[in-house]
Amino acid sequence: MQMIELGGESVPRIGQGTWHMGENAGQRQAEVRALREGLDLGMTLIDTAEMYAEGGAEEIVGQAIRDRRDEVYLVSKVYPHNASTKGVQAACERSLRRLGTDTIDLYLLHWRGQYPLSETVEAFERLREQGKILRWGVSNFDSDDLAELDAPACATNQVLYNPEARGIEYDLLPWQAQHNMPLMAYCPIGQGGALLHDATLQRIADKHSATTAQVALAWALRYPGVIAIPKAVNLDHLKQNAGADNVRLDEEDLAQIDAAYPRPTRKQSLQMV
């Protein structure tokens, strides 16, 4: 597995997302099993959030890592409406209880809200001093948000990125590369499945004896500073995600994707889901 430094630790460039986990009690054991199988495949970065199933996803993660915490680089996020001085403290402690751990490796502000960034950062630093988090970062921040934040301690920015949503290539991705800030790509294989049935991606997948999901992941990872966090519950999908690490797209492949999904030529509003 390709590795990258994130928050002072070496982590795999393909991790595991957990959005929509914890929403169906009947799926709980399958989701726990999937996360553990993902760990076996080397995808030891797990991303979650208090928002996902209102804590339900964190409970799934907690159960999955119960006897394997030392293997995992654990990422979670705080709601913007909990991003005040007191709110961050209380939210983090709730997340820690659900996750069954004493420390979150990386704690993110899920998106900007009503509280000043300085207040949230101060709360994050307090958590770090207490040992409840090791590093902090942000999510759904555009380049002007990061410039306003102006915080070298910010370890990452997590945003939507896939061939259907590549507006960040105009300025945000270069900004983060210039500042040596890894970018975490959520929904790297798209939303709703349309991307997975794209004819262009299928032709490229056939050429590489791969799947369209693997092509989409390899496309995101063509930038060395990007980490992808796809979600999967099916074992075959997990194996495909891990196997995308071995897919290398050539210039012809990238040109075909550019033709189907053009590069941005101007500033675009940051896309979020």
C-alpha atoms as a PDB file:
ATOM      1  CA  MET A   1       0.000   0.000   0.000  1.00  0.00           C
ATOM      2  CA  GLN A   2       1.291   3.476  -0.877  1.00  0.00           C
ATOM      3  CA  MET A   3       1.843   5.515   2.283  1.00  0.00           C
ATOM      4  CA  ILE A   4       1.792   9.219   3.065  1.00  0.00           C
ATOM      5  CA  GLU A   5       2.591  11.318   6.121  1.00  0.00           C
ATOM      6  CA  LEU A   6      -0.514  12.684   7.813  1.00  0.00           C
ATOM      7  CA  GLY A   7      -0.397  14.428  11.149  1.00  0.00           C
ATOM      8  CA  GLY A   8       3.100  13.147  11.809  1.00  0.00           C
ATOM      9  CA  GLU A   9       2.150   9.520  11.120  1.00  0.00           C
ATOM     10  CA  SER A  10       2.589   7.296   8.095  1.00  0.00           C
ATOM     11  CA  VAL A  11      -0.835   6.232   6.822  1.00  0.00           C
ATOM     12  CA  PRO A  12      -2.131   4.362   3.749  1.00  0.00           C
ATOM     13  CA  ARG A  13      -3.304   6.508   0.855  1.00  0.00           C
ATOM     14  CA  ILE A  14      -6.484   4.428   0.640  1.00  0.00           C
ATOM     15  CA  GLY A  15      -8.522   4.392   3.831  1.00  0.00           C
ATOM     16  CA  GLN A  16     -12.049   3.483   4.839  1.00  0.00           C
ATOM     17  CA  GLY A  17     -15.008   5.848   4.955  1.00  0.00           C
ATOM     18  CA  THR A  18     -18.049   5.233   7.167  1.00  0.00           C
ATOM     19  CA  TRP A  19     -20.723   7.629   5.932  1.00  0.00           C
ATOM     20  CA  HIS A  20     -24.169   5.902   6.128  1.00  0.00           C
ATOM     21  CA  MET A  21     -22.843   3.226   8.455  1.00  0.00           C
ATOM     22  CA  GLY A  22     -24.772   2.788  11.685  1.00  0.00           C
ATOM     23  CA  GLU A  23     -28.094   3.745  10.112  1.00  0.00           C
ATOM     24  CA  ASN A  24     -29.565   0.227   9.962  1.00  0.00           C
ATOM     25  CA  ALA A  25     -29.332  -2.075  12.968  1.00  0.00           C
ATOM     26  CA  GLY A  26     -29.637  -5.080  10.693  1.00  0.00           C
ATOM     27  CA  GLN A  27     -26.432  -4.072   8.897  1.00  0.00           C
ATOM     28  CA  ARG A  28     -24.396  -3.498  12.038  1.00  0.00           C
ATOM     29  CA  GLN A  29     -22.484  -6.781  12.116  1.00  0.00           C
ATOM     30  CA  ALA A  30     -21.782  -6.633   8.376  1.00  0.00           C
ATOM     31  CA  GLU A  31     -20.386  -3.116   8.762  1.00  0.00           C
ATOM     32  CA  VAL A  32     -18.202  -4.110  11.703  1.00  0.00           C
ATOM     33  CA  ARG A  33     -16.925  -7.098   9.763  1.00  0.00           C
ATOM     34  CA  ALA A  34     -16.212  -4.953   6.702  1.00  0.00           C
ATOM     35  CA  LEU A  35     -14.097  -2.496   8.665  1.00  0.00           C
ATOM     36  CA  ARG A  36     -12.102  -5.328  10.211  1.00  0.00           C
ATOM     37  CA  GLU A  37     -11.588  -6.958   6.824  1.00  0.00           C
ATOM     38  CA  GLY A  38     -10.473  -3.589   5.497  1.00  0.00           C
ATOM     39  CA  LEU A  39      -7.854  -3.466   8.232  1.00  0.00           C
ATOM     40  CA  ASP A  40      -6.662  -6.912   7.172  1.00  0.00           C
ATOM     41  CA  LEU A  41      -6.229  -5.540   3.639  1.00  0.00           C
ATOM     42  CA  GLY A  42      -4.042  -2.681   4.868  1.00  0.00           C
ATOM     43  CA  MET A  43      -6.622   0.121   4.871  1.00  0.00           C
ATOM     44  CA  THR A  44      -5.854   1.118   8.434  1.00  0.00           C
ATOM     45  CA  LEU A  45      -7.058   4.733   8.211  1.00  0.00           C
ATOM     46  CA  ILE A  46     -10.725   4.887   9.252  1.00  0.00           C
ATOM     47  CA  ASP A  47     -12.690   8.111   8.828  1.00  0.00           C
ATOM     48  CA  THR A  48     -15.931   8.795  10.696  1.00  0.00           C
ATOM     49  CA  ALA A  49     -17.875  11.677  12.258  1.00  0.00           C
ATOM     50  CA  GLU A  50     -20.358  12.432  14.998  1.00  0.00           C
ATOM     51  CA  MET A  51     -22.792  13.420  12.218  1.00  0.00           C
ATOM     52  CA  TYR A  52     -22.858   9.969  10.624  1.00  0.00           C
ATOM     53  CA  ALA A  53     -26.020   8.297  11.941  1.00  0.00           C
ATOM     54  CA  GLU A  54     -25.802  10.759  14.859  1.00  0.00           C
ATOM     55  CA  GLY A  55     -22.969   8.810  16.442  1.00  0.00           C
ATOM     56  CA  GLY A  56     -24.033   5.418  15.113  1.00  0.00           C
ATOM     57  CA  ALA A  57     -21.076   5.165  12.744  1.00  0.00           C
ATOM     58  CA  GLU A  58     -18.655   5.942  15.574  1.00  0.00           C
ATOM     59  CA  GLU A  59     -20.200   3.079  17.557  1.00  0.00           C
ATOM     60  CA  ILE A  60     -19.669   0.748  14.572  1.00  0.00           C
ATOM     61  CA  VAL A  61     -16.041   1.866  14.348  1.00  0.00           C
ATOM     62  CA  GLY A  62     -15.589   1.430  18.090  1.00  0.00           C
ATOM     63  CA  GLN A  63     -16.789  -2.146  17.906  1.00  0.00           C
ATOM     64  CA  ALA A  64     -14.624  -2.880  14.858  1.00  0.00           C
ATOM     65  CA  ILE A  65     -11.393  -1.610  16.420  1.00  0.00           C
ATOM     66  CA  ARG A  66     -12.017  -2.818  19.970  1.00  0.00           C
ATOM     67  CA  ASP A  67      -9.024  -5.166  20.076  1.00  0.00           C
ATOM     68  CA  ARG A  68      -7.101  -3.531  17.204  1.00  0.00           C
ATOM     69  CA  ARG A  69      -6.817   0.108  18.202  1.00  0.00           C
ATOM     70  CA  ASP A  70      -3.040   0.156  17.824  1.00  0.00           C
ATOM     71  CA  GLU A  71      -3.386  -0.727  14.116  1.00  0.00           C
ATOM     72  CA  VAL A  72      -5.735   2.145  13.306  1.00  0.00           C
ATOM     73  CA  TYR A  73      -5.266   5.794  12.382  1.00  0.00           C
ATOM     74  CA  LEU A  74      -8.590   7.143  13.592  1.00  0.00           C
ATOM     75  CA  VAL A  75     -10.218  10.258  12.142  1.00  0.00           C
ATOM     76  CA  SER A  76     -13.462  11.824  13.361  1.00  0.00           C
ATOM     77  CA  LYS A  77     -15.239  15.160  12.963  1.00  0.00           C
ATOM     78  CA  VAL A  78     -17.173  17.644  15.064  1.00  0.00           C
ATOM     79  CA  TYR A  79     -20.405  19.318  13.946  1.00  0.00           C
ATOM     80  CA  PRO A  80     -20.087  23.082  13.291  1.00  0.00           C
ATOM     81  CA  HIS A  81     -22.829  23.764  15.835  1.00  0.00           C
ATOM     82  CA  ASN A  82     -20.653  22.021  18.443  1.00  0.00           C
ATOM     83  CA  ALA A  83     -17.522  23.962  17.485  1.00  0.00           C
ATOM     84  CA  SER A  84     -17.527  26.411  20.412  1.00  0.00           C
ATOM     85  CA  THR A  85     -15.029  26.205  23.262  1.00  0.00           C
ATOM     86  CA  LYS A  86     -17.318  24.115  25.469  1.00  0.00           C
ATOM     87  CA  GLY A  87     -19.057  22.385  22.600  1.00  0.00           C
ATOM     88  CA  VAL A  88     -15.871  20.936  21.100  1.00  0.00           C
ATOM     89  CA  GLN A  89     -14.817  19.534  24.463  1.00  0.00           C
ATOM     90  CA  ALA A  90     -18.162  17.850  25.092  1.00  0.00           C
ATOM     91  CA  ALA A  91     -18.507  16.562  21.526  1.00  0.00           C
ATOM     92  CA  CYS A  92     -15.039  15.047  21.537  1.00  0.00           C
ATOM     93  CA  GLU A  93     -15.659  13.294  24.828  1.00  0.00           C
ATOM     94  CA  ARG A  94     -18.893  11.809  23.452  1.00  0.00           C
ATOM     95  CA  SER A  95     -17.039  10.630  20.354  1.00  0.00           C
ATOM     96  CA  LEU A  96     -14.309   9.059  22.465  1.00  0.00           C
ATOM     97  CA  ARG A  97     -16.907   7.113  24.446  1.00  0.00           C
ATOM     98  CA  ARG A  98     -18.625   5.852  21.307  1.00  0.00           C
ATOM     99  CA  LEU A  99     -15.285   4.926  19.724  1.00  0.00           C
ATOM    100  CA  GLY A 100     -14.103   3.193  22.886  1.00  0.00           C
ATOM    101  CA  THR A 101     -10.735   4.915  22.875  1.00  0.00           C
ATOM    102  CA  ASP A 102      -8.817   7.513  24.853  1.00  0.00           C
ATOM    103  CA  THR A 103      -7.444   9.369  21.849  1.00  0.00           C
ATOM    104  CA  ILE A 104      -8.543  10.349  18.339  1.00  0.00           C
ATOM    105  CA  ASP A 105      -5.571  10.584  15.990  1.00  0.00           C
ATOM    106  CA  LEU A 106      -7.061  13.369  13.866  1.00  0.00           C
ATOM    107  CA  TYR A 107     -10.096  15.506  14.732  1.00  0.00           C
ATOM    108  CA  LEU A 108     -11.703  17.680  12.066  1.00  0.00           C
ATOM    109  CA  LEU A 109     -14.152  20.565  11.940  1.00  0.00           C
ATOM    110  CA  HIS A 110     -16.768  19.096   9.592  1.00  0.00           C
ATOM    111  CA  TRP A 111     -17.501  22.424   7.883  1.00  0.00           C
ATOM    112  CA  ARG A 112     -17.529  26.096   8.805  1.00  0.00           C
ATOM    113  CA  GLY A 113     -20.333  27.320  11.029  1.00  0.00           C
ATOM    114  CA  GLN A 114     -21.262  30.170  13.322  1.00  0.00           C
ATOM    115  CA  TYR A 115     -18.277  30.060  15.663  1.00  0.00           C
ATOM    116  CA  PRO A 116     -15.038  31.958  14.926  1.00  0.00           C
ATOM    117  CA  LEU A 117     -12.264  29.725  13.631  1.00  0.00           C
ATOM    118  CA  SER A 118      -9.985  31.041  16.357  1.00  0.00           C
ATOM    119  CA  GLU A 119     -12.368  29.720  19.022  1.00  0.00           C
ATOM    120  CA  THR A 120     -12.540  26.284  17.447  1.00  0.00           C
ATOM    121  CA  VAL A 121      -8.775  26.112  17.007  1.00  0.00           C
ATOM    122  CA  GLU A 122      -8.270  27.073  20.638  1.00  0.00           C
ATOM    123  CA  ALA A 123     -10.619  24.270  21.660  1.00  0.00           C
ATOM    124  CA  PHE A 124      -8.773  21.815  19.413  1.00  0.00           C
ATOM    125  CA  GLU A 125      -5.455  22.829  20.954  1.00  0.00           C
ATOM    126  CA  ARG A 126      -6.863  22.291  24.419  1.00  0.00           C
ATOM    127  CA  LEU A 127      -7.942  18.785  23.443  1.00  0.00           C
ATOM    128  CA  ARG A 128      -4.468  18.146  22.071  1.00  0.00           C
ATOM    129  CA  GLU A 129      -2.859  19.312  25.306  1.00  0.00           C
ATOM    130  CA  GLN A 130      -5.172  16.965  27.201  1.00  0.00           C
ATOM    131  CA  GLY A 131      -4.112  14.065  24.981  1.00  0.00           C
ATOM    132  CA  LYS A 132      -7.662  13.489  23.725  1.00  0.00           C
ATOM    133  CA  ILE A 133      -6.610  14.202  20.140  1.00  0.00           C
ATOM    134  CA  LEU A 134      -3.175  14.042  18.556  1.00  0.00           C
ATOM    135  CA  ARG A 135      -3.761  16.425  15.648  1.00  0.00           C
ATOM    136  CA  TRP A 136      -6.580  18.481  14.189  1.00  0.00           C
ATOM    137  CA  GLY A 137      -7.715  19.597  10.756  1.00  0.00           C
ATOM    138  CA  VAL A 138     -10.720  20.756   8.760  1.00  0.00           C
ATOM    139  CA  SER A 139     -13.211  19.534   6.182  1.00  0.00           C
ATOM    140  CA  ASN A 140     -15.075  21.280   3.360  1.00  0.00           C
ATOM    141  CA  PHE A 141     -12.774  24.336   3.469  1.00  0.00           C
ATOM    142  CA  ASP A 142     -12.014  26.237   0.281  1.00  0.00           C
ATOM    143  CA  SER A 143      -8.676  27.938  -0.376  1.00  0.00           C
ATOM    144  CA  ASP A 144      -9.836  31.281   1.036  1.00  0.00           C
ATOM    145  CA  ASP A 145     -11.048  29.502   4.190  1.00  0.00           C
ATOM    146  CA  LEU A 146      -7.635  27.896   4.634  1.00  0.00           C
ATOM    147  CA  ALA A 147      -5.913  31.220   4.045  1.00  0.00           C
ATOM    148  CA  GLU A 148      -8.104  32.815   6.696  1.00  0.00           C
ATOM    149  CA  LEU A 149      -7.417  29.932   9.068  1.00  0.00           C
ATOM    150  CA  ASP A 150      -3.678  30.516   8.563  1.00  0.00           C
ATOM    151  CA  ALA A 151      -2.715  27.638  10.843  1.00  0.00           C
ATOM    152  CA  PRO A 152       0.383  25.535  10.144  1.00  0.00           C
ATOM    153  CA  ALA A 153      -0.932  23.082  12.745  1.00  0.00           C
ATOM    154  CA  CYS A 154      -3.866  22.169  10.476  1.00  0.00           C
ATOM    155  CA  ALA A 155      -3.009  18.643   9.334  1.00  0.00           C
ATOM    156  CA  THR A 156      -5.457  18.182   6.462  1.00  0.00           C
ATOM    157  CA  ASN A 157      -8.537  19.366   4.620  1.00  0.00           C
ATOM    158  CA  GLN A 158     -11.124  16.764   3.629  1.00  0.00           C
ATOM    159  CA  VAL A 159     -13.233  17.591   0.563  1.00  0.00           C
ATOM    160  CA  LEU A 160     -15.333  16.032  -2.180  1.00  0.00           C
ATOM    161  CA  TYR A 161     -13.123  14.885  -5.067  1.00  0.00           C
ATOM    162  CA  ASN A 162     -13.726  12.566  -7.993  1.00  0.00           C
ATOM    163  CA  PRO A 163     -13.875  12.955 -11.804  1.00  0.00           C
ATOM    164  CA  GLU A 164     -17.405  14.363 -11.538  1.00  0.00           C
ATOM    165  CA  ALA A 165     -16.315  16.947  -8.945  1.00  0.00           C
ATOM    166  CA  ARG A 166     -12.879  18.297  -9.813  1.00  0.00           C
ATOM    167  CA  GLY A 167     -13.313  22.033  -9.229  1.00  0.00           C
ATOM    168  CA  ILE A 168     -10.691  21.902  -6.467  1.00  0.00           C
ATOM    169  CA  GLU A 169      -8.003  21.384  -9.112  1.00  0.00           C
ATOM    170  CA  TYR A 170      -8.223  25.049 -10.086  1.00  0.00           C
ATOM    171  CA  ASP A 171      -6.899  26.483  -6.823  1.00  0.00           C
ATOM    172  CA  LEU A 172      -7.525  24.407  -3.687  1.00  0.00           C
ATOM    173  CA  LEU A 173      -5.479  21.361  -4.617  1.00  0.00           C
ATOM    174  CA  PRO A 174      -2.483  23.483  -5.717  1.00  0.00           C
ATOM    175  CA  TRP A 175      -2.807  25.575  -2.530  1.00  0.00           C
ATOM    176  CA  GLN A 176      -2.624  22.496  -0.348  1.00  0.00           C
ATOM    177  CA  ALA A 177       0.282  21.070  -2.322  1.00  0.00           C
ATOM    178  CA  GLN A 178       2.163  24.344  -1.947  1.00  0.00           C
ATOM    179  CA  HIS A 179       1.590  24.246   1.816  1.00  0.00           C
ATOM    180  CA  ASN A 180       2.417  20.518   2.116  1.00  0.00           C
ATOM    181  CA  MET A 181      -1.078  19.803   3.430  1.00  0.00           C
ATOM    182  CA  PRO A 182      -2.443  16.380   2.422  1.00  0.00           C
ATOM    183  CA  LEU A 183      -5.941  16.405   0.946  1.00  0.00           C
ATOM    184  CA  MET A 184      -8.433  13.733   1.982  1.00  0.00           C
ATOM    185  CA  ALA A 185     -10.879  12.928  -0.825  1.00  0.00           C
ATOM    186  CA  TYR A 186     -14.325  11.818   0.241  1.00  0.00           C
ATOM    187  CA  CYS A 187     -16.749  10.115  -2.197  1.00  0.00           C
ATOM    188  CA  PRO A 188     -13.771   9.344  -4.476  1.00  0.00           C
ATOM    189  CA  ILE A 189     -15.868   6.940  -6.552  1.00  0.00           C
ATOM    190  CA  GLY A 190     -18.810   9.317  -6.806  1.00  0.00           C
ATOM    191  CA  GLN A 191     -22.331   9.376  -5.482  1.00  0.00           C
ATOM    192  CA  GLY A 192     -25.256   7.321  -6.731  1.00  0.00           C
ATOM    193  CA  GLY A 193     -23.212   4.942  -8.847  1.00  0.00           C
ATOM    194  CA  ALA A 194     -23.330   6.832 -12.165  1.00  0.00           C
ATOM    195  CA  LEU A 195     -19.551   7.180 -12.288  1.00  0.00           C
ATOM    196  CA  LEU A 196     -19.109   3.431 -11.856  1.00  0.00           C
ATOM    197  CA  HIS A 197     -21.100   2.826 -15.040  1.00  0.00           C
ATOM    198  CA  ASP A 198     -19.311   5.456 -17.125  1.00  0.00           C
ATOM    199  CA  ALA A 199     -18.263   4.135 -20.532  1.00  0.00           C
ATOM    200  CA  THR A 200     -14.923   5.961 -20.518  1.00  0.00           C
ATOM    201  CA  LEU A 201     -13.932   4.573 -17.129  1.00  0.00           C
ATOM    202  CA  GLN A 202     -15.080   1.118 -18.228  1.00  0.00           C
ATOM    203  CA  ARG A 203     -12.820   1.189 -21.298  1.00  0.00           C
ATOM    204  CA  ILE A 204      -9.870   2.196 -19.136  1.00  0.00           C
ATOM    205  CA  ALA A 205     -10.761  -0.444 -16.551  1.00  0.00           C
ATOM    206  CA  ASP A 206     -10.872  -3.140 -19.234  1.00  0.00           C
ATOM    207  CA  LYS A 207      -7.433  -2.045 -20.463  1.00  0.00           C
ATOM    208  CA  HIS A 208      -5.950  -2.463 -16.974  1.00  0.00           C
ATOM    209  CA  SER A 209      -7.949  -5.577 -16.002  1.00  0.00           C
ATOM    210  CA  ALA A 210      -9.468  -3.441 -13.258  1.00  0.00           C
ATOM    211  CA  THR A 211     -12.868  -2.094 -12.245  1.00  0.00           C
ATOM    212  CA  THR A 212     -14.287   1.373 -12.768  1.00  0.00           C
ATOM    213  CA  ALA A 213     -14.080   1.975  -9.011  1.00  0.00           C
ATOM    214  CA  GLN A 214     -10.363   1.174  -9.110  1.00  0.00           C
ATOM    215  CA  VAL A 215      -9.879   3.551 -12.039  1.00  0.00           C
ATOM    216  CA  ALA A 216     -11.649   6.350 -10.139  1.00  0.00           C
ATOM    217  CA  LEU A 217      -9.476   5.742  -7.079  1.00  0.00           C
ATOM    218  CA  ALA A 218      -6.271   5.558  -9.117  1.00  0.00           C
ATOM    219  CA  TRP A 219      -7.289   8.812 -10.821  1.00  0.00           C
ATOM    220  CA  ALA A 220      -7.630  10.602  -7.458  1.00  0.00           C
ATOM    221  CA  LEU A 221      -4.326   9.169  -6.264  1.00  0.00           C
ATOM    222  CA  ARG A 222      -2.407  10.422  -9.299  1.00  0.00           C
ATOM    223  CA  TYR A 223      -1.676  13.478  -7.155  1.00  0.00           C
ATOM    224  CA  PRO A 224       0.874  12.423  -4.511  1.00  0.00           C
ATOM    225  CA  GLY A 225      -0.710  14.522  -1.755  1.00  0.00           C
ATOM    226  CA  VAL A 226      -4.165  12.914  -1.955  1.00  0.00           C
ATOM    227  CA  ILE A 227      -5.665  10.305   0.383  1.00  0.00           C
ATOM    228  CA  ALA A 228      -8.889   8.556  -0.707  1.00  0.00           C
ATOM    229  CA  ILE A 229     -11.478   7.270   1.772  1.00  0.00           C
ATOM    230  CA  PRO A 230     -14.035   5.123  -0.076  1.00  0.00           C
ATOM    231  CA  LYS A 231     -16.723   3.292   1.877  1.00  0.00           C
ATOM    232  CA  ALA A 232     -17.438  -0.394   1.311  1.00  0.00           C
ATOM    233  CA  VAL A 233     -19.316  -3.137   3.152  1.00  0.00           C
ATOM    234  CA  ASN A 234     -19.085  -5.867   0.514  1.00  0.00           C
ATOM    235  CA  LEU A 235     -15.854  -7.913   0.706  1.00  0.00           C
ATOM    236  CA  ASP A 236     -15.341  -7.808  -3.058  1.00  0.00           C
ATOM    237  CA  HIS A 237     -15.623  -4.019  -3.000  1.00  0.00           C
ATOM    238  CA  LEU A 238     -13.126  -3.862  -0.147  1.00  0.00           C
ATOM    239  CA  LYS A 239     -10.655  -5.952  -2.119  1.00  0.00           C
ATOM    240  CA  GLN A 240     -11.202  -3.747  -5.158  1.00  0.00           C
ATOM    241  CA  ASN A 241     -10.522  -0.617  -3.122  1.00  0.00           C
ATOM    242  CA  ALA A 242      -7.315  -2.033  -1.702  1.00  0.00           C
ATOM    243  CA  GLY A 243      -6.273  -3.317  -5.125  1.00  0.00           C
ATOM    244  CA  ALA A 244      -6.630   0.146  -6.665  1.00  0.00           C
ATOM    245  CA  ASP A 245      -3.246   0.856  -5.102  1.00  0.00           C
ATOM    246  CA  ASN A 246      -1.713  -1.203  -7.915  1.00  0.00           C
ATOM    247  CA  VAL A 247      -3.494   0.531 -10.818  1.00  0.00           C
ATOM    248  CA  ARG A 248      -1.350   3.085 -12.639  1.00  0.00           C
ATOM    249  CA  LEU A 249      -3.065   5.247 -15.238  1.00  0.00           C
ATOM    250  CA  ASP A 250      -1.044   6.467 -18.225  1.00  0.00           C
ATOM    251  CA  GLU A 251      -1.276   9.753 -20.101  1.00  0.00           C
ATOM    252  CA  GLU A 252      -3.745   8.331 -22.616  1.00  0.00           C
ATOM    253  CA  ASP A 253      -6.043   7.215 -19.792  1.00  0.00           C
ATOM    254  CA  LEU A 254      -5.899  10.611 -18.125  1.00  0.00           C
ATOM    255  CA  ALA A 255      -6.580  12.376 -21.423  1.00  0.00           C
ATOM    256  CA  GLN A 256      -9.693  10.264 -21.950  1.00  0.00           C
ATOM    257  CA  ILE A 257     -10.967  11.146 -18.474  1.00  0.00           C
ATOM    258  CA  ASP A 258     -10.206  14.824 -19.118  1.00  0.00           C
ATOM    259  CA  ALA A 259     -12.281  14.648 -22.299  1.00  0.00           C
ATOM    260  CA  ALA A 260     -15.218  13.076 -20.473  1.00  0.00           C
ATOM    261  CA  TYR A 261     -14.877  15.225 -17.350  1.00  0.00           C
ATOM    262  CA  PRO A 262     -13.057  18.455 -18.273  1.00  0.00           C
ATOM    263  CA  ARG A 263     -10.605  20.170 -15.976  1.00  0.00           C
ATOM    264  CA  PRO A 264     -11.868  23.402 -14.381  1.00  0.00           C
ATOM    265  CA  THR A 265     -10.838  26.544 -16.236  1.00  0.00           C
ATOM    266  CA  ARG A 266     -12.021  29.031 -13.617  1.00  0.00           C
ATOM    267  CA  LYS A 267     -12.777  29.279  -9.932  1.00  0.00           C
ATOM    268  CA  GLN A 268     -15.792  27.195  -8.876  1.00  0.00           C
ATOM    269  CA  SER A 269     -17.768  27.086  -5.660  1.00  0.00           C
ATOM    270  CA  LEU A 270     -16.612  24.275  -3.422  1.00  0.00           C
ATOM    271  CA  GLN A 271     -18.853  21.253  -3.911  1.00  0.00           C
ATOM    272  CA  MET A 272     -20.134  19.432  -0.825  1.00  0.00           C
ATOM    273  CA  VAL A 273     -22.395  16.490  -0.139  1.00  0.00           C
END
